[in-house]
N, C-alpha and C. Protein backbone atom coordinates (compact mmCIF):
# COMPACT_ATOMS: atom_id res chain seq x y z
N MET A 1 80.52 136.79 155.81
CA MET A 1 79.70 135.67 155.35
C MET A 1 80.26 135.02 154.08
N PRO A 2 80.62 135.78 153.02
CA PRO A 2 81.17 135.12 151.82
C PRO A 2 82.44 134.33 152.11
N VAL A 3 83.27 134.79 153.04
CA VAL A 3 84.48 134.05 153.39
C VAL A 3 84.11 132.68 153.94
N TYR A 4 83.14 132.67 154.86
CA TYR A 4 82.69 131.40 155.45
C TYR A 4 82.04 130.50 154.40
N GLU A 5 81.16 131.09 153.57
CA GLU A 5 80.44 130.29 152.57
C GLU A 5 81.39 129.61 151.59
N VAL A 6 82.42 130.33 151.16
CA VAL A 6 83.32 129.78 150.13
C VAL A 6 84.38 128.87 150.73
N PHE A 7 85.04 129.32 151.80
CA PHE A 7 86.20 128.59 152.30
C PHE A 7 85.86 127.56 153.37
N ALA A 8 84.77 127.72 154.09
CA ALA A 8 84.40 126.74 155.11
C ALA A 8 83.29 125.81 154.62
N GLU A 9 82.20 126.39 154.13
CA GLU A 9 81.07 125.58 153.67
C GLU A 9 81.28 124.99 152.28
N ASP A 10 82.20 125.59 151.50
CA ASP A 10 82.37 125.20 150.09
C ASP A 10 81.02 125.24 149.37
N GLU A 11 80.32 126.36 149.54
CA GLU A 11 78.97 126.50 149.01
C GLU A 11 78.90 126.24 147.51
N TYR A 12 79.95 126.62 146.77
CA TYR A 12 79.94 126.48 145.33
C TYR A 12 80.46 125.12 144.84
N ALA A 13 80.88 124.26 145.77
CA ALA A 13 81.40 122.93 145.41
C ALA A 13 82.47 123.03 144.33
N VAL A 14 83.50 123.80 144.62
CA VAL A 14 84.51 124.16 143.61
C VAL A 14 85.19 122.93 143.01
N ASP A 15 85.65 122.00 143.85
CA ASP A 15 86.37 120.84 143.33
C ASP A 15 85.47 120.02 142.39
N TRP A 16 84.25 119.77 142.82
CA TRP A 16 83.32 119.00 141.98
C TRP A 16 83.04 119.72 140.66
N PHE A 17 82.78 121.01 140.75
CA PHE A 17 82.34 121.74 139.56
C PHE A 17 83.48 122.02 138.58
N THR A 18 84.71 121.90 139.03
CA THR A 18 85.84 122.14 138.13
C THR A 18 86.46 120.84 137.63
N THR A 19 85.82 119.71 137.93
CA THR A 19 86.31 118.43 137.45
C THR A 19 86.35 118.39 135.92
N GLY A 20 87.49 117.94 135.38
CA GLY A 20 87.57 117.75 133.93
C GLY A 20 87.85 118.99 133.11
N LEU A 21 88.15 120.11 133.74
CA LEU A 21 88.47 121.31 132.97
C LEU A 21 89.87 121.18 132.35
N ARG A 22 90.13 121.99 131.34
CA ARG A 22 91.45 121.99 130.72
C ARG A 22 92.51 122.47 131.72
N ASP A 23 93.77 122.32 131.38
CA ASP A 23 94.86 122.59 132.31
C ASP A 23 94.91 124.06 132.75
N SER A 24 94.61 124.98 131.85
CA SER A 24 94.65 126.41 132.18
C SER A 24 93.27 127.02 131.93
N PRO A 25 92.32 126.77 132.83
CA PRO A 25 90.96 127.22 132.60
C PRO A 25 90.80 128.72 132.79
N VAL A 26 89.72 129.26 132.24
CA VAL A 26 89.39 130.67 132.35
C VAL A 26 88.10 130.80 133.16
N LEU A 27 88.17 131.59 134.22
CA LEU A 27 87.01 131.90 135.04
C LEU A 27 86.61 133.35 134.83
N VAL A 28 85.32 133.58 134.66
CA VAL A 28 84.76 134.93 134.72
C VAL A 28 83.87 134.99 135.95
N ASP A 29 84.17 135.90 136.85
CA ASP A 29 83.45 136.04 138.12
C ASP A 29 82.67 137.35 138.08
N VAL A 30 81.36 137.24 137.88
CA VAL A 30 80.49 138.42 137.81
C VAL A 30 79.85 138.62 139.18
N GLY A 31 80.11 139.78 139.76
CA GLY A 31 79.72 140.01 141.14
C GLY A 31 80.74 139.39 142.06
N ALA A 32 82.00 139.75 141.83
CA ALA A 32 83.12 139.08 142.51
C ALA A 32 83.22 139.45 143.99
N HIS A 33 82.54 140.52 144.40
CA HIS A 33 82.54 140.96 145.79
C HIS A 33 83.98 141.19 146.24
N ILE A 34 84.42 140.61 147.33
CA ILE A 34 85.79 140.85 147.81
C ILE A 34 86.77 139.80 147.29
N GLY A 35 86.28 138.88 146.43
CA GLY A 35 87.18 137.97 145.74
C GLY A 35 87.25 136.56 146.26
N CYS A 36 86.33 136.16 147.13
CA CYS A 36 86.44 134.83 147.75
C CYS A 36 86.42 133.71 146.72
N PHE A 37 85.43 133.70 145.84
CA PHE A 37 85.34 132.62 144.85
C PHE A 37 86.54 132.66 143.91
N ALA A 38 86.90 133.84 143.46
CA ALA A 38 88.02 133.97 142.52
C ALA A 38 89.31 133.46 143.14
N LEU A 39 89.55 133.80 144.41
CA LEU A 39 90.77 133.34 145.06
C LEU A 39 90.75 131.84 145.29
N ALA A 40 89.59 131.29 145.64
CA ALA A 40 89.49 129.84 145.82
C ALA A 40 89.76 129.11 144.52
N PHE A 41 89.21 129.61 143.43
CA PHE A 41 89.39 128.99 142.12
C PHE A 41 90.84 129.10 141.68
N ALA A 42 91.42 130.29 141.79
CA ALA A 42 92.81 130.50 141.36
C ALA A 42 93.78 129.68 142.19
N SER A 43 93.48 129.49 143.47
CA SER A 43 94.35 128.68 144.33
C SER A 43 94.26 127.20 143.97
N ALA A 44 93.04 126.76 143.65
CA ALA A 44 92.85 125.35 143.29
C ALA A 44 93.39 125.04 141.90
N ARG A 45 93.45 126.05 141.04
CA ARG A 45 93.92 125.90 139.66
C ARG A 45 95.08 126.87 139.43
N PRO A 46 96.31 126.46 139.72
CA PRO A 46 97.45 127.38 139.71
C PRO A 46 97.77 128.00 138.36
N THR A 47 97.22 127.47 137.27
CA THR A 47 97.48 128.08 135.95
C THR A 47 96.23 128.74 135.38
N ALA A 48 95.20 128.90 136.19
CA ALA A 48 93.95 129.52 135.72
C ALA A 48 94.13 131.01 135.49
N GLN A 49 93.35 131.54 134.58
CA GLN A 49 93.22 132.98 134.37
C GLN A 49 91.82 133.38 134.81
N VAL A 50 91.74 134.48 135.56
CA VAL A 50 90.47 134.89 136.16
C VAL A 50 90.18 136.35 135.82
N HIS A 51 88.93 136.61 135.45
CA HIS A 51 88.45 137.98 135.24
C HIS A 51 87.35 138.25 136.24
N CYS A 52 87.57 139.23 137.14
CA CYS A 52 86.61 139.58 138.17
C CYS A 52 85.91 140.88 137.82
N TYR A 53 84.60 140.89 138.00
CA TYR A 53 83.80 142.10 137.77
C TYR A 53 83.09 142.47 139.06
N GLU A 54 83.44 143.63 139.61
CA GLU A 54 82.82 144.14 140.84
C GLU A 54 82.63 145.65 140.69
N PRO A 55 81.38 146.12 140.52
CA PRO A 55 81.15 147.53 140.22
C PRO A 55 81.16 148.46 141.42
N THR A 56 80.86 147.95 142.63
CA THR A 56 80.78 148.84 143.79
C THR A 56 82.18 149.34 144.15
N PRO A 57 82.42 150.66 144.11
CA PRO A 57 83.79 151.15 144.31
C PRO A 57 84.42 150.71 145.62
N SER A 58 83.67 150.79 146.72
CA SER A 58 84.25 150.44 148.02
C SER A 58 84.58 148.95 148.10
N THR A 59 83.65 148.11 147.68
CA THR A 59 83.89 146.67 147.70
C THR A 59 84.99 146.29 146.72
N GLY A 60 85.01 146.95 145.57
CA GLY A 60 86.05 146.68 144.58
C GLY A 60 87.44 146.95 145.10
N SER A 61 87.58 147.91 146.01
CA SER A 61 88.91 148.20 146.56
C SER A 61 89.39 147.04 147.43
N TYR A 62 88.47 146.38 148.15
CA TYR A 62 88.83 145.19 148.92
C TYR A 62 89.21 144.04 148.00
N LEU A 63 88.47 143.90 146.91
CA LEU A 63 88.78 142.85 145.92
C LEU A 63 90.20 143.01 145.40
N ARG A 64 90.55 144.21 144.97
CA ARG A 64 91.89 144.43 144.42
C ARG A 64 92.96 144.18 145.48
N ARG A 65 92.70 144.63 146.71
CA ARG A 65 93.68 144.41 147.78
C ARG A 65 93.88 142.93 148.04
N ASN A 66 92.79 142.16 148.06
CA ASN A 66 92.90 140.73 148.34
C ASN A 66 93.65 139.99 147.23
N VAL A 67 93.41 140.40 145.99
CA VAL A 67 94.14 139.81 144.87
C VAL A 67 95.63 140.10 145.00
N ASP A 68 95.96 141.35 145.29
CA ASP A 68 97.37 141.74 145.40
C ASP A 68 98.06 141.04 146.57
N ARG A 69 97.40 140.99 147.71
CA ARG A 69 98.03 140.43 148.91
C ARG A 69 98.21 138.92 148.83
N ASN A 70 97.43 138.29 147.96
CA ASN A 70 97.58 136.84 147.77
C ASN A 70 98.50 136.51 146.59
N GLY A 71 99.14 137.53 146.04
CA GLY A 71 100.12 137.32 144.97
C GLY A 71 99.51 136.80 143.68
N LEU A 72 98.28 137.23 143.38
CA LEU A 72 97.58 136.69 142.22
C LEU A 72 97.34 137.73 141.12
N ALA A 73 97.96 138.88 141.23
CA ALA A 73 97.70 139.95 140.27
C ALA A 73 98.11 139.58 138.85
N ASP A 74 99.01 138.61 138.70
CA ASP A 74 99.42 138.20 137.36
C ASP A 74 98.40 137.30 136.70
N ARG A 75 97.47 136.72 137.48
CA ARG A 75 96.49 135.80 136.91
C ARG A 75 95.04 136.24 137.12
N VAL A 76 94.83 137.19 138.01
CA VAL A 76 93.47 137.66 138.30
C VAL A 76 93.35 139.13 137.91
N THR A 77 92.51 139.40 136.93
CA THR A 77 92.29 140.76 136.44
C THR A 77 91.01 141.31 137.06
N VAL A 78 91.10 142.50 137.65
CA VAL A 78 89.96 143.12 138.30
C VAL A 78 89.38 144.20 137.39
N HIS A 79 88.08 144.10 137.13
CA HIS A 79 87.36 145.09 136.33
C HIS A 79 86.34 145.77 137.23
N HIS A 80 86.45 147.09 137.38
CA HIS A 80 85.52 147.84 138.22
C HIS A 80 84.30 148.25 137.37
N GLU A 81 83.55 147.25 136.96
CA GLU A 81 82.39 147.46 136.09
C GLU A 81 81.29 146.48 136.47
N ALA A 82 80.06 146.87 136.19
CA ALA A 82 78.94 145.93 136.25
C ALA A 82 78.89 145.18 134.93
N VAL A 83 78.21 144.05 134.91
CA VAL A 83 77.99 143.29 133.68
C VAL A 83 76.50 143.31 133.38
N SER A 84 76.17 143.62 132.14
CA SER A 84 74.78 143.65 131.71
C SER A 84 74.70 143.12 130.28
N ALA A 85 73.53 143.21 129.69
CA ALA A 85 73.38 142.71 128.33
C ALA A 85 74.12 143.58 127.32
N ALA A 86 74.24 144.89 127.61
CA ALA A 86 74.91 145.81 126.70
C ALA A 86 75.72 146.82 127.50
N SER A 87 76.76 147.34 126.92
CA SER A 87 77.62 148.30 127.61
C SER A 87 76.91 149.63 127.80
N GLY A 88 77.28 150.34 128.85
CA GLY A 88 76.68 151.64 129.14
C GLY A 88 76.88 151.97 130.61
N THR A 89 75.81 152.30 131.30
CA THR A 89 75.86 152.56 132.73
C THR A 89 74.72 151.80 133.41
N LEU A 90 74.87 151.61 134.71
CA LEU A 90 73.88 150.88 135.49
C LEU A 90 73.66 151.62 136.80
N VAL A 91 72.41 151.81 137.15
CA VAL A 91 72.05 152.39 138.44
C VAL A 91 71.80 151.25 139.42
N MET A 92 72.47 151.29 140.57
CA MET A 92 72.38 150.20 141.53
C MET A 92 72.40 150.75 142.94
N ALA A 93 72.05 149.92 143.89
CA ALA A 93 72.10 150.29 145.30
C ALA A 93 73.47 149.97 145.88
N ASP A 94 73.93 150.86 146.77
CA ASP A 94 75.18 150.64 147.48
C ASP A 94 74.86 150.71 148.97
N ASN A 95 74.96 149.57 149.64
CA ASN A 95 74.65 149.49 151.06
C ASN A 95 75.90 149.55 151.93
N GLY A 96 77.02 149.92 151.33
CA GLY A 96 78.22 150.09 152.13
C GLY A 96 79.30 149.10 151.80
N THR A 97 80.50 149.39 152.30
CA THR A 97 81.67 148.61 152.00
C THR A 97 81.49 147.14 152.35
N GLY A 98 81.69 146.28 151.36
CA GLY A 98 81.63 144.85 151.59
C GLY A 98 80.24 144.29 151.77
N SER A 99 79.21 145.09 151.59
CA SER A 99 77.85 144.57 151.75
C SER A 99 77.53 143.57 150.65
N GLY A 100 76.80 142.52 151.02
CA GLY A 100 76.32 141.56 150.03
C GLY A 100 75.04 142.01 149.38
N HIS A 101 74.53 143.19 149.76
CA HIS A 101 73.27 143.71 149.23
C HIS A 101 73.51 144.96 148.40
N ASN A 102 74.51 144.91 147.55
CA ASN A 102 74.75 145.98 146.58
C ASN A 102 74.30 145.49 145.21
N GLY A 103 73.36 146.19 144.60
CA GLY A 103 72.89 145.75 143.28
C GLY A 103 71.52 146.30 142.96
N VAL A 104 71.04 145.99 141.77
CA VAL A 104 69.75 146.52 141.31
C VAL A 104 68.60 145.98 142.14
N LEU A 105 68.77 144.81 142.71
CA LEU A 105 67.72 144.18 143.50
C LEU A 105 67.37 145.00 144.73
N HIS A 106 68.30 145.82 145.21
CA HIS A 106 68.13 146.50 146.49
C HIS A 106 67.89 148.00 146.35
N LEU A 107 67.60 148.45 145.14
CA LEU A 107 67.27 149.86 144.93
C LEU A 107 66.03 150.23 145.74
N GLY A 108 66.12 151.39 146.40
CA GLY A 108 64.98 151.88 147.16
C GLY A 108 64.89 151.37 148.58
N GLU A 109 65.78 150.47 148.97
CA GLU A 109 65.74 149.96 150.33
C GLU A 109 66.26 151.02 151.31
N PRO A 110 65.72 151.06 152.52
CA PRO A 110 66.19 152.02 153.52
C PRO A 110 67.69 151.91 153.76
N GLY A 111 68.37 153.06 153.75
CA GLY A 111 69.79 153.09 154.03
C GLY A 111 70.68 152.86 152.83
N ALA A 112 70.10 152.50 151.69
CA ALA A 112 70.91 152.24 150.50
C ALA A 112 71.10 153.50 149.68
N ALA A 113 72.34 153.78 149.32
CA ALA A 113 72.62 154.89 148.42
C ALA A 113 72.42 154.42 146.98
N GLU A 114 72.01 155.33 146.12
CA GLU A 114 71.84 155.02 144.70
C GLU A 114 73.07 155.54 143.95
N ILE A 115 73.77 154.65 143.26
CA ILE A 115 74.96 155.05 142.53
C ILE A 115 74.85 154.62 141.06
N GLU A 116 75.58 155.29 140.21
CA GLU A 116 75.64 154.92 138.79
C GLU A 116 77.05 154.44 138.49
N VAL A 117 77.14 153.27 137.87
CA VAL A 117 78.44 152.66 137.61
C VAL A 117 78.54 152.30 136.12
N PRO A 118 79.75 152.23 135.59
CA PRO A 118 79.90 151.77 134.20
C PRO A 118 79.55 150.29 134.08
N SER A 119 78.97 149.91 132.96
CA SER A 119 78.65 148.50 132.73
C SER A 119 79.22 148.06 131.38
N VAL A 120 79.48 146.79 131.28
CA VAL A 120 80.02 146.21 130.05
C VAL A 120 79.11 145.08 129.62
N GLY A 121 78.88 144.97 128.32
CA GLY A 121 78.03 143.92 127.80
C GLY A 121 78.67 142.54 127.94
N PHE A 122 77.83 141.52 128.12
CA PHE A 122 78.35 140.18 128.35
C PHE A 122 79.15 139.66 127.17
N ASP A 123 78.76 140.02 125.96
CA ASP A 123 79.54 139.62 124.79
C ASP A 123 80.98 140.12 124.89
N ASP A 124 81.14 141.38 125.37
CA ASP A 124 82.48 141.94 125.51
C ASP A 124 83.24 141.27 126.65
N VAL A 125 82.53 140.87 127.70
CA VAL A 125 83.17 140.15 128.80
C VAL A 125 83.81 138.86 128.29
N VAL A 126 83.07 138.12 127.48
CA VAL A 126 83.58 136.86 126.95
C VAL A 126 84.74 137.13 125.98
N ARG A 127 84.62 138.16 125.19
CA ARG A 127 85.70 138.52 124.27
C ARG A 127 86.98 138.86 125.04
N ARG A 128 86.86 139.64 126.09
CA ARG A 128 88.03 139.99 126.91
C ARG A 128 88.70 138.76 127.50
N ALA A 129 87.89 137.75 127.80
CA ALA A 129 88.41 136.52 128.41
C ALA A 129 89.04 135.60 127.38
N GLY A 130 89.10 136.02 126.14
CA GLY A 130 89.72 135.21 125.10
C GLY A 130 88.74 134.43 124.25
N GLY A 131 87.44 134.64 124.47
CA GLY A 131 86.43 133.99 123.63
C GLY A 131 86.03 132.60 124.07
N GLU A 132 86.61 132.12 125.16
CA GLU A 132 86.26 130.79 125.67
C GLU A 132 86.31 130.82 127.19
N VAL A 133 85.16 130.65 127.82
CA VAL A 133 85.05 130.71 129.27
C VAL A 133 84.74 129.32 129.81
N ASP A 134 85.62 128.82 130.66
CA ASP A 134 85.40 127.49 131.24
C ASP A 134 84.36 127.52 132.34
N VAL A 135 84.43 128.53 133.19
CA VAL A 135 83.47 128.66 134.28
C VAL A 135 83.03 130.12 134.38
N LEU A 136 81.72 130.32 134.41
CA LEU A 136 81.14 131.62 134.71
C LEU A 136 80.48 131.50 136.08
N LYS A 137 80.94 132.29 137.02
CA LYS A 137 80.27 132.38 138.32
C LYS A 137 79.56 133.73 138.36
N MET A 138 78.30 133.72 138.76
CA MET A 138 77.53 134.95 138.77
C MET A 138 76.74 135.08 140.07
N ASP A 139 76.94 136.20 140.75
CA ASP A 139 76.13 136.58 141.90
C ASP A 139 75.91 138.08 141.77
N ALA A 140 74.95 138.43 140.92
CA ALA A 140 74.78 139.81 140.49
C ALA A 140 73.60 140.50 141.13
N GLU A 141 73.05 139.93 142.19
CA GLU A 141 71.98 140.58 142.96
C GLU A 141 70.84 141.09 142.09
N GLY A 142 70.31 140.22 141.24
CA GLY A 142 69.16 140.55 140.42
C GLY A 142 69.49 140.87 138.98
N ALA A 143 70.73 141.26 138.69
CA ALA A 143 71.11 141.61 137.32
C ALA A 143 71.28 140.38 136.45
N GLU A 144 71.23 139.18 137.04
CA GLU A 144 71.42 137.95 136.26
C GLU A 144 70.35 137.79 135.18
N TYR A 145 69.15 138.29 135.42
CA TYR A 145 68.10 138.16 134.41
C TYR A 145 68.40 138.99 133.17
N ASP A 146 68.92 140.19 133.37
CA ASP A 146 69.29 141.04 132.23
C ASP A 146 70.38 140.37 131.41
N VAL A 147 71.39 139.83 132.09
CA VAL A 147 72.51 139.22 131.38
C VAL A 147 72.07 137.98 130.61
N VAL A 148 71.37 137.09 131.29
CA VAL A 148 71.02 135.81 130.66
C VAL A 148 69.96 135.98 129.58
N LEU A 149 68.94 136.77 129.85
CA LEU A 149 67.80 136.84 128.93
C LEU A 149 68.03 137.78 127.76
N ARG A 150 68.94 138.75 127.90
CA ARG A 150 69.10 139.75 126.84
C ARG A 150 70.42 139.68 126.10
N ALA A 151 71.41 138.99 126.63
CA ALA A 151 72.67 138.83 125.88
C ALA A 151 72.41 137.94 124.67
N SER A 152 73.26 138.06 123.66
CA SER A 152 73.05 137.29 122.45
C SER A 152 73.13 135.79 122.73
N GLY A 153 72.27 135.01 122.07
CA GLY A 153 72.26 133.58 122.29
C GLY A 153 73.57 132.92 121.92
N ALA A 154 74.25 133.46 120.90
CA ALA A 154 75.49 132.85 120.43
C ALA A 154 76.59 132.88 121.47
N VAL A 155 76.60 133.90 122.33
CA VAL A 155 77.70 134.04 123.28
C VAL A 155 77.71 132.90 124.29
N TRP A 156 76.54 132.33 124.57
CA TRP A 156 76.50 131.25 125.55
C TRP A 156 77.15 129.97 125.02
N GLN A 157 77.32 129.87 123.70
CA GLN A 157 78.03 128.72 123.14
C GLN A 157 79.50 128.72 123.53
N GLN A 158 80.00 129.87 123.98
CA GLN A 158 81.41 130.00 124.35
C GLN A 158 81.65 129.79 125.85
N VAL A 159 80.60 129.40 126.56
CA VAL A 159 80.70 129.18 128.00
C VAL A 159 80.48 127.70 128.27
N ARG A 160 81.38 127.09 129.05
CA ARG A 160 81.29 125.65 129.30
C ARG A 160 80.45 125.31 130.53
N ARG A 161 80.62 126.08 131.60
CA ARG A 161 79.88 125.82 132.83
C ARG A 161 79.49 127.13 133.49
N VAL A 162 78.36 127.11 134.18
CA VAL A 162 77.84 128.29 134.87
C VAL A 162 77.40 127.88 136.27
N VAL A 163 77.80 128.66 137.27
CA VAL A 163 77.22 128.54 138.61
C VAL A 163 76.75 129.93 139.01
N MET A 164 75.49 130.03 139.40
CA MET A 164 74.95 131.36 139.69
C MET A 164 73.98 131.32 140.87
N GLU A 165 74.02 132.41 141.62
CA GLU A 165 72.96 132.64 142.60
C GLU A 165 71.87 133.42 141.88
N TYR A 166 70.66 132.91 141.94
CA TYR A 166 69.53 133.61 141.32
C TYR A 166 68.65 134.18 142.43
N HIS A 167 67.94 135.27 142.09
CA HIS A 167 67.21 136.03 143.09
C HIS A 167 65.76 136.24 142.67
N ALA A 168 64.94 136.57 143.65
CA ALA A 168 63.53 136.86 143.38
C ALA A 168 63.42 138.28 142.84
N LEU A 169 63.13 138.40 141.57
CA LEU A 169 63.00 139.70 140.91
C LEU A 169 61.62 139.77 140.28
N ALA A 170 60.89 140.82 140.58
CA ALA A 170 59.52 140.97 140.10
C ALA A 170 59.46 140.81 138.59
N GLY A 171 58.52 139.99 138.11
CA GLY A 171 58.33 139.78 136.69
C GLY A 171 59.17 138.68 136.09
N HIS A 172 60.01 138.06 136.89
CA HIS A 172 60.89 137.00 136.37
C HIS A 172 60.89 135.80 137.31
N ASP A 173 61.28 134.65 136.75
CA ASP A 173 61.48 133.48 137.59
C ASP A 173 62.60 132.63 137.01
N PHE A 174 63.08 131.71 137.83
CA PHE A 174 64.25 130.91 137.49
C PHE A 174 64.08 130.11 136.20
N ASP A 175 62.86 129.69 135.90
CA ASP A 175 62.62 128.87 134.71
C ASP A 175 63.07 129.58 133.44
N GLU A 176 62.99 130.91 133.41
CA GLU A 176 63.45 131.66 132.24
C GLU A 176 64.95 131.45 132.02
N ILE A 177 65.70 131.55 133.09
CA ILE A 177 67.14 131.35 133.01
C ILE A 177 67.45 129.92 132.57
N ARG A 178 66.80 128.96 133.21
CA ARG A 178 67.04 127.56 132.88
C ARG A 178 66.76 127.29 131.41
N ASP A 179 65.68 127.83 130.86
CA ASP A 179 65.31 127.55 129.47
C ASP A 179 66.28 128.17 128.48
N VAL A 180 66.71 129.41 128.74
CA VAL A 180 67.66 130.07 127.83
C VAL A 180 68.98 129.30 127.81
N LEU A 181 69.48 128.93 128.96
CA LEU A 181 70.76 128.21 129.01
C LEU A 181 70.63 126.81 128.42
N ALA A 182 69.49 126.16 128.64
CA ALA A 182 69.27 124.83 128.04
C ALA A 182 69.29 124.91 126.52
N ASP A 183 68.70 125.96 125.96
CA ASP A 183 68.71 126.15 124.50
C ASP A 183 70.13 126.31 123.98
N ALA A 184 71.04 126.79 124.83
CA ALA A 184 72.44 126.97 124.44
C ALA A 184 73.29 125.75 124.76
N GLY A 185 72.65 124.67 125.25
CA GLY A 185 73.38 123.45 125.54
C GLY A 185 73.93 123.35 126.94
N LEU A 186 73.53 124.29 127.81
CA LEU A 186 73.97 124.28 129.20
C LEU A 186 72.84 123.70 130.05
N GLU A 187 73.02 122.47 130.49
CA GLU A 187 71.96 121.77 131.22
C GLU A 187 72.10 121.98 132.73
N LEU A 188 70.98 122.12 133.39
CA LEU A 188 70.96 122.24 134.84
C LEU A 188 71.40 120.91 135.47
N VAL A 189 72.49 120.93 136.25
CA VAL A 189 73.01 119.69 136.85
C VAL A 189 72.82 119.66 138.36
N ARG A 190 72.51 120.80 138.95
CA ARG A 190 72.25 120.85 140.39
C ARG A 190 71.57 122.16 140.72
N ARG A 191 70.68 122.12 141.69
CA ARG A 191 70.01 123.35 142.13
C ARG A 191 69.75 123.26 143.63
N ASP A 192 70.24 124.24 144.38
CA ASP A 192 69.98 124.34 145.81
C ASP A 192 69.02 125.50 146.04
N ARG A 193 67.82 125.20 146.51
CA ARG A 193 66.82 126.24 146.78
C ARG A 193 66.96 126.73 148.21
N TYR A 194 67.04 128.06 148.39
CA TYR A 194 67.14 128.64 149.73
C TYR A 194 65.76 129.09 150.22
N THR A 195 65.14 130.00 149.49
CA THR A 195 63.78 130.45 149.76
C THR A 195 63.08 130.59 148.42
N GLU A 196 61.84 131.01 148.42
CA GLU A 196 61.11 131.19 147.18
C GLU A 196 61.82 132.20 146.28
N GLY A 197 62.22 131.74 145.10
CA GLY A 197 62.88 132.62 144.14
C GLY A 197 64.35 132.86 144.38
N LEU A 198 64.93 132.24 145.40
CA LEU A 198 66.33 132.46 145.73
C LEU A 198 67.04 131.12 145.86
N GLY A 199 68.19 131.00 145.18
CA GLY A 199 68.93 129.75 145.28
C GLY A 199 70.22 129.80 144.50
N LEU A 200 70.87 128.65 144.41
CA LEU A 200 72.13 128.51 143.69
C LEU A 200 71.95 127.40 142.67
N ALA A 201 72.41 127.64 141.44
CA ALA A 201 72.21 126.67 140.37
C ALA A 201 73.50 126.48 139.58
N TRP A 202 73.73 125.24 139.18
CA TRP A 202 74.91 124.86 138.41
C TRP A 202 74.46 124.33 137.04
N PHE A 203 75.14 124.75 135.98
CA PHE A 203 74.84 124.31 134.62
C PHE A 203 76.14 123.85 133.96
N SER A 204 76.03 122.84 133.09
CA SER A 204 77.21 122.35 132.39
C SER A 204 76.82 121.83 131.01
N ARG A 205 77.74 121.95 130.05
CA ARG A 205 77.49 121.39 128.72
C ARG A 205 78.18 120.03 128.55
N ASP A 206 78.83 119.56 129.61
CA ASP A 206 79.43 118.22 129.57
C ASP A 206 79.11 117.51 130.88
N PRO A 207 79.15 116.17 130.88
CA PRO A 207 78.76 115.41 132.07
C PRO A 207 79.68 115.69 133.26
N LEU A 208 79.09 115.62 134.44
CA LEU A 208 79.82 115.77 135.70
C LEU A 208 79.53 114.57 136.59
N PRO A 209 80.46 114.22 137.48
CA PRO A 209 80.15 113.14 138.43
C PRO A 209 79.04 113.59 139.38
N PRO A 210 78.39 112.67 140.07
CA PRO A 210 77.33 113.06 141.01
C PRO A 210 77.87 114.04 142.05
N SER A 211 77.06 115.05 142.38
CA SER A 211 77.49 116.04 143.37
C SER A 211 77.25 115.50 144.76
N ARG A 212 77.84 116.15 145.72
CA ARG A 212 77.69 115.71 147.12
C ARG A 212 76.28 115.99 147.62
């Protein structure tokens, strides 16, 4: 499904959302899965530097293989860690190799194994990327609320654009994310709603042309 969504449907509208970036942009991909978005971005931007974060060990092995087989290991760095507000460990669900339902959102679901993975704080993620992130892509299966709401407000000043899938998580709603990012100068420029509490949202601190 992610292969189809990224390469056939262009779900993330990569060309539109990367309009006007500097010549060698930096992408941070949180919840990189098997690498579809990272590979699409790196292919479209031949001088881009990419940092991928995928904590599920089995899925992460596919990510690393795809990076290597596409000859992108010199520009795409794979981190086998979850991203959260602070460094430590994270308990998450693992529904199997390549599953799109690996994450905190799916804990307790039938058939899901519970695993503990290392996590890194978002401030450190931005620091590792050189302190300036052109695009942050996030599909963290519910962990997006922890990252956005609990990371330091100052770190968002170092991010130029954000595209994220947001999920229905008890006690939270999308407006919280929108308000925190707006306070940091990242304005909502597009939002695709899938179901109640689930959708894809794009934020930018600079103007973009009209989306498709």
